[in-house]
Amino acid sequence: MEIVSILGSREMTVNNWLKRYESEGFEGLRTRAGRGRKAILQAVDLAQVKAAVKQSRQRIEAARAELEESLGKEFSHSSLKRFLKKTLAATLELESG
């Protein structure tokens, strides 16, 4: 199948896309909710994250280590930064809207 080689995908994937397009139109091609890996840090962790970051403002690694212990979750420095950015963006959006 020429489309498979152009897209660098598998034939089964392309066939699934075609079936979804035929049955649902372009909406069927949108990525559906629930896809991908779930975030390690959740909204329920926000209060603890804020407290740890406030306590160790200049030492994010110290905050991460404290959070890993108190939450019982392992996550990377990047995961913590991403959570903080998304949370800040959501907070600013709520305040401005």
N, C-alpha and C. Protein backbone atom coordinates (compact mmCIF):
# COMPACT_ATOMS: atom_id res chain seq x y z
N MET A 1 0.85 -1.16 0.00
CA MET A 1 0.00 0.00 0.00
C MET A 1 0.90 1.24 0.00
N GLU A 2 0.73 2.09 -0.96
CA GLU A 2 1.60 3.27 -1.13
C GLU A 2 1.47 4.25 0.03
N ILE A 3 0.27 4.40 0.57
CA ILE A 3 0.04 5.33 1.68
C ILE A 3 0.86 4.91 2.90
N VAL A 4 0.97 3.63 3.14
CA VAL A 4 1.73 3.11 4.27
C VAL A 4 3.18 3.56 4.18
N SER A 5 3.77 3.45 3.01
CA SER A 5 5.18 3.84 2.86
C SER A 5 5.35 5.35 2.94
N ILE A 6 4.38 6.10 2.44
CA ILE A 6 4.46 7.57 2.51
C ILE A 6 4.39 8.03 3.96
N LEU A 7 3.47 7.45 4.72
CA LEU A 7 3.29 7.86 6.12
C LEU A 7 4.27 7.20 7.07
N GLY A 8 4.94 6.14 6.62
CA GLY A 8 5.87 5.43 7.48
C GLY A 8 5.14 4.74 8.62
N SER A 9 3.95 4.25 8.32
CA SER A 9 3.11 3.61 9.33
C SER A 9 2.84 2.17 8.91
N ARG A 10 2.05 1.47 9.72
CA ARG A 10 1.69 0.10 9.37
C ARG A 10 0.37 0.08 8.61
N GLU A 11 0.17 -0.95 7.83
CA GLU A 11 -1.05 -1.08 7.03
C GLU A 11 -2.30 -1.14 7.92
N MET A 12 -2.19 -1.86 9.03
CA MET A 12 -3.33 -1.97 9.93
C MET A 12 -3.74 -0.58 10.47
N THR A 13 -2.76 0.25 10.79
CA THR A 13 -3.04 1.59 11.29
C THR A 13 -3.77 2.42 10.25
N VAL A 14 -3.28 2.39 9.02
CA VAL A 14 -3.91 3.15 7.93
C VAL A 14 -5.33 2.64 7.70
N ASN A 15 -5.53 1.32 7.72
CA ASN A 15 -6.87 0.76 7.56
C ASN A 15 -7.82 1.22 8.67
N ASN A 16 -7.30 1.28 9.89
CA ASN A 16 -8.12 1.77 11.01
C ASN A 16 -8.52 3.22 10.80
N TRP A 17 -7.58 4.04 10.33
CA TRP A 17 -7.88 5.45 10.05
C TRP A 17 -8.96 5.57 8.98
N LEU A 18 -8.83 4.76 7.94
CA LEU A 18 -9.83 4.80 6.86
C LEU A 18 -11.22 4.42 7.37
N LYS A 19 -11.29 3.37 8.17
CA LYS A 19 -12.58 2.94 8.72
C LYS A 19 -13.18 4.04 9.60
N ARG A 20 -12.35 4.67 10.43
CA ARG A 20 -12.86 5.74 11.30
C ARG A 20 -13.31 6.94 10.47
N TYR A 21 -12.58 7.25 9.40
CA TYR A 21 -12.97 8.37 8.53
C TYR A 21 -14.30 8.07 7.83
N GLU A 22 -14.43 6.85 7.33
CA GLU A 22 -15.66 6.47 6.63
C GLU A 22 -16.87 6.49 7.56
N SER A 23 -16.69 6.10 8.81
CA SER A 23 -17.84 6.03 9.71
C SER A 23 -18.12 7.36 10.43
N GLU A 24 -17.08 8.17 10.69
CA GLU A 24 -17.27 9.38 11.50
C GLU A 24 -16.82 10.67 10.82
N GLY A 25 -16.23 10.58 9.64
CA GLY A 25 -15.71 11.78 8.98
C GLY A 25 -14.43 12.24 9.66
N PHE A 26 -14.12 13.53 9.50
CA PHE A 26 -12.88 14.05 10.08
C PHE A 26 -12.84 13.94 11.60
N GLU A 27 -14.00 14.02 12.24
CA GLU A 27 -14.05 13.88 13.71
C GLU A 27 -13.49 12.53 14.16
N GLY A 28 -13.65 11.51 13.35
CA GLY A 28 -13.15 10.19 13.68
C GLY A 28 -11.64 10.11 13.69
N LEU A 29 -10.98 11.08 13.07
CA LEU A 29 -9.52 11.08 13.01
C LEU A 29 -8.88 11.83 14.17
N ARG A 30 -9.68 12.54 14.93
CA ARG A 30 -9.13 13.27 16.09
C ARG A 30 -8.67 12.28 17.15
N THR A 31 -7.63 12.68 17.88
CA THR A 31 -7.16 11.86 18.98
C THR A 31 -8.19 11.91 20.09
N ARG A 32 -8.57 10.76 20.56
CA ARG A 32 -9.61 10.68 21.57
C ARG A 32 -9.03 10.82 22.97
N ALA A 33 -9.85 11.26 23.89
CA ALA A 33 -9.43 11.39 25.28
C ALA A 33 -9.03 10.03 25.83
N GLY A 34 -8.10 10.06 26.75
CA GLY A 34 -7.68 8.83 27.39
C GLY A 34 -6.51 8.14 26.71
N ARG A 35 -6.00 8.74 25.66
CA ARG A 35 -4.86 8.16 24.98
C ARG A 35 -3.58 8.60 25.66
N GLY A 36 -2.58 7.77 25.64
CA GLY A 36 -1.28 8.13 26.18
C GLY A 36 -1.15 7.79 27.66
N ARG A 37 0.03 8.04 28.14
CA ARG A 37 0.36 7.72 29.53
C ARG A 37 -0.26 8.77 30.46
N LYS A 38 -0.79 8.33 31.56
CA LYS A 38 -1.38 9.23 32.54
C LYS A 38 -0.27 9.98 33.28
N ALA A 39 -0.55 11.22 33.62
CA ALA A 39 0.41 12.04 34.34
C ALA A 39 0.66 11.47 35.74
N ILE A 40 1.89 11.56 36.19
CA ILE A 40 2.23 11.05 37.51
C ILE A 40 1.69 12.00 38.58
N LEU A 41 1.95 13.29 38.38
CA LEU A 41 1.46 14.30 39.31
C LEU A 41 0.07 14.73 38.89
N GLN A 42 -0.86 14.74 39.83
CA GLN A 42 -2.25 15.08 39.55
C GLN A 42 -2.64 16.35 40.30
N ALA A 43 -3.81 16.86 39.99
CA ALA A 43 -4.31 18.07 40.65
C ALA A 43 -4.39 17.90 42.17
N VAL A 44 -4.67 16.68 42.63
CA VAL A 44 -4.76 16.45 44.08
C VAL A 44 -3.41 16.63 44.78
N ASP A 45 -2.32 16.60 44.02
CA ASP A 45 -0.98 16.76 44.57
C ASP A 45 -0.56 18.23 44.65
N LEU A 46 -1.36 19.11 44.11
CA LEU A 46 -0.98 20.51 43.95
C LEU A 46 -0.57 21.19 45.25
N ALA A 47 -1.32 21.01 46.31
CA ALA A 47 -1.01 21.68 47.58
C ALA A 47 0.37 21.25 48.10
N GLN A 48 0.66 19.96 48.02
CA GLN A 48 1.96 19.46 48.49
C GLN A 48 3.09 19.96 47.59
N VAL A 49 2.84 20.01 46.28
CA VAL A 49 3.86 20.50 45.35
C VAL A 49 4.16 21.96 45.64
N LYS A 50 3.12 22.77 45.80
CA LYS A 50 3.31 24.20 46.11
C LYS A 50 4.13 24.38 47.38
N ALA A 51 3.79 23.63 48.42
CA ALA A 51 4.50 23.76 49.70
C ALA A 51 5.97 23.37 49.56
N ALA A 52 6.25 22.29 48.86
CA ALA A 52 7.63 21.83 48.71
C ALA A 52 8.44 22.81 47.88
N VAL A 53 7.85 23.34 46.83
CA VAL A 53 8.56 24.30 45.97
C VAL A 53 8.79 25.61 46.73
N LYS A 54 7.81 26.03 47.50
CA LYS A 54 7.95 27.26 48.28
C LYS A 54 9.08 27.12 49.30
N GLN A 55 9.16 25.95 49.93
CA GLN A 55 10.19 25.69 50.94
C GLN A 55 11.58 25.62 50.31
N SER A 56 11.69 25.10 49.11
CA SER A 56 13.00 24.92 48.44
C SER A 56 13.02 25.65 47.10
N ARG A 57 12.73 26.93 47.13
CA ARG A 57 12.60 27.71 45.89
C ARG A 57 13.80 27.61 44.96
N GLN A 58 14.98 27.70 45.49
CA GLN A 58 16.18 27.71 44.65
C GLN A 58 16.75 26.30 44.44
N ARG A 59 16.12 25.30 45.01
CA ARG A 59 16.63 23.93 44.90
C ARG A 59 15.49 23.00 44.50
N ILE A 60 15.17 23.00 43.22
CA ILE A 60 14.04 22.19 42.73
C ILE A 60 14.30 20.70 42.94
N GLU A 61 15.56 20.28 42.90
CA GLU A 61 15.88 18.87 43.13
C GLU A 61 15.55 18.46 44.55
N ALA A 62 15.78 19.35 45.50
CA ALA A 62 15.44 19.06 46.90
C ALA A 62 13.92 18.94 47.03
N ALA A 63 13.19 19.82 46.37
CA ALA A 63 11.73 19.76 46.39
C ALA A 63 11.24 18.46 45.76
N ARG A 64 11.85 18.07 44.65
CA ARG A 64 11.46 16.83 43.98
C ARG A 64 11.68 15.62 44.89
N ALA A 65 12.84 15.57 45.54
CA ALA A 65 13.15 14.44 46.42
C ALA A 65 12.17 14.38 47.59
N GLU A 66 11.85 15.53 48.17
CA GLU A 66 10.89 15.58 49.27
C GLU A 66 9.51 15.11 48.80
N LEU A 67 9.10 15.55 47.61
CA LEU A 67 7.80 15.16 47.07
C LEU A 67 7.73 13.67 46.76
N GLU A 68 8.80 13.14 46.20
CA GLU A 68 8.82 11.70 45.91
C GLU A 68 8.58 10.89 47.19
N GLU A 69 9.21 11.33 48.26
CA GLU A 69 9.06 10.62 49.53
C GLU A 69 7.66 10.80 50.11
N SER A 70 7.16 12.04 50.13
CA SER A 70 5.87 12.29 50.77
C SER A 70 4.68 11.78 49.95
N LEU A 71 4.81 11.81 48.62
CA LEU A 71 3.72 11.35 47.76
C LEU A 71 3.80 9.86 47.44
N GLY A 72 4.99 9.30 47.63
CA GLY A 72 5.18 7.89 47.30
C GLY A 72 5.17 7.64 45.79
N LYS A 73 5.62 8.65 45.04
CA LYS A 73 5.66 8.55 43.58
C LYS A 73 7.06 8.92 43.10
N GLU A 74 7.52 8.25 42.06
CA GLU A 74 8.80 8.59 41.45
C GLU A 74 8.54 9.37 40.18
N PHE A 75 9.26 10.48 40.00
CA PHE A 75 9.12 11.28 38.79
C PHE A 75 10.40 12.07 38.57
N SER A 76 10.58 12.53 37.36
CA SER A 76 11.80 13.24 36.99
C SER A 76 11.68 14.73 37.26
N HIS A 77 12.81 15.38 37.20
CA HIS A 77 12.90 16.84 37.30
C HIS A 77 12.01 17.47 36.24
N SER A 78 12.05 16.91 35.03
CA SER A 78 11.25 17.43 33.91
C SER A 78 9.75 17.28 34.17
N SER A 79 9.34 16.18 34.78
CA SER A 79 7.93 15.98 35.09
C SER A 79 7.44 17.03 36.08
N LEU A 80 8.26 17.35 37.06
CA LEU A 80 7.88 18.37 38.04
C LEU A 80 7.76 19.74 37.37
N LYS A 81 8.73 20.07 36.54
CA LYS A 81 8.70 21.35 35.82
C LYS A 81 7.47 21.45 34.92
N ARG A 82 7.18 20.38 34.20
CA ARG A 82 6.02 20.35 33.30
C ARG A 82 4.72 20.53 34.08
N PHE A 83 4.61 19.85 35.23
CA PHE A 83 3.42 19.98 36.08
C PHE A 83 3.26 21.42 36.55
N LEU A 84 4.36 22.03 36.99
CA LEU A 84 4.30 23.41 37.47
C LEU A 84 3.89 24.37 36.36
N LYS A 85 4.44 24.17 35.16
CA LYS A 85 4.09 25.05 34.03
C LYS A 85 2.62 24.91 33.65
N LYS A 86 2.14 23.67 33.54
CA LYS A 86 0.74 23.44 33.17
C LYS A 86 -0.20 23.99 34.23
N THR A 87 0.15 23.80 35.49
CA THR A 87 -0.69 24.28 36.58
C THR A 87 -0.73 25.81 36.59
N LEU A 88 0.43 26.43 36.40
CA LEU A 88 0.49 27.89 36.36
C LEU A 88 -0.33 28.42 35.19
N ALA A 89 -0.19 27.80 34.02
CA ALA A 89 -0.93 28.23 32.84
C ALA A 89 -2.43 28.10 33.07
N ALA A 90 -2.87 27.01 33.66
CA ALA A 90 -4.29 26.80 33.94
C ALA A 90 -4.81 27.81 34.95
N THR A 91 -4.00 28.10 35.97
CA THR A 91 -4.39 29.08 36.99
C THR A 91 -4.55 30.47 36.38
N LEU A 92 -3.59 30.87 35.54
CA LEU A 92 -3.65 32.18 34.89
C LEU A 92 -4.85 32.27 33.96
N GLU A 93 -5.15 31.19 33.27
CA GLU A 93 -6.29 31.17 32.35
C GLU A 93 -7.60 31.34 33.11
N LEU A 94 -7.71 30.66 34.24
CA LEU A 94 -8.92 30.77 35.06
C LEU A 94 -9.09 32.18 35.61
N GLU A 95 -7.98 32.78 36.03
CA GLU A 95 -8.03 34.12 36.60
C GLU A 95 -8.37 35.18 35.56
N SER A 96 -7.91 34.99 34.33
CA SER A 96 -8.15 35.99 33.27
C SER A 96 -9.53 35.82 32.61
N GLY A 97 -10.09 34.61 32.71
CA GLY A 97 -11.36 34.32 32.03
C GLY A 97 -12.50 34.55 32.88
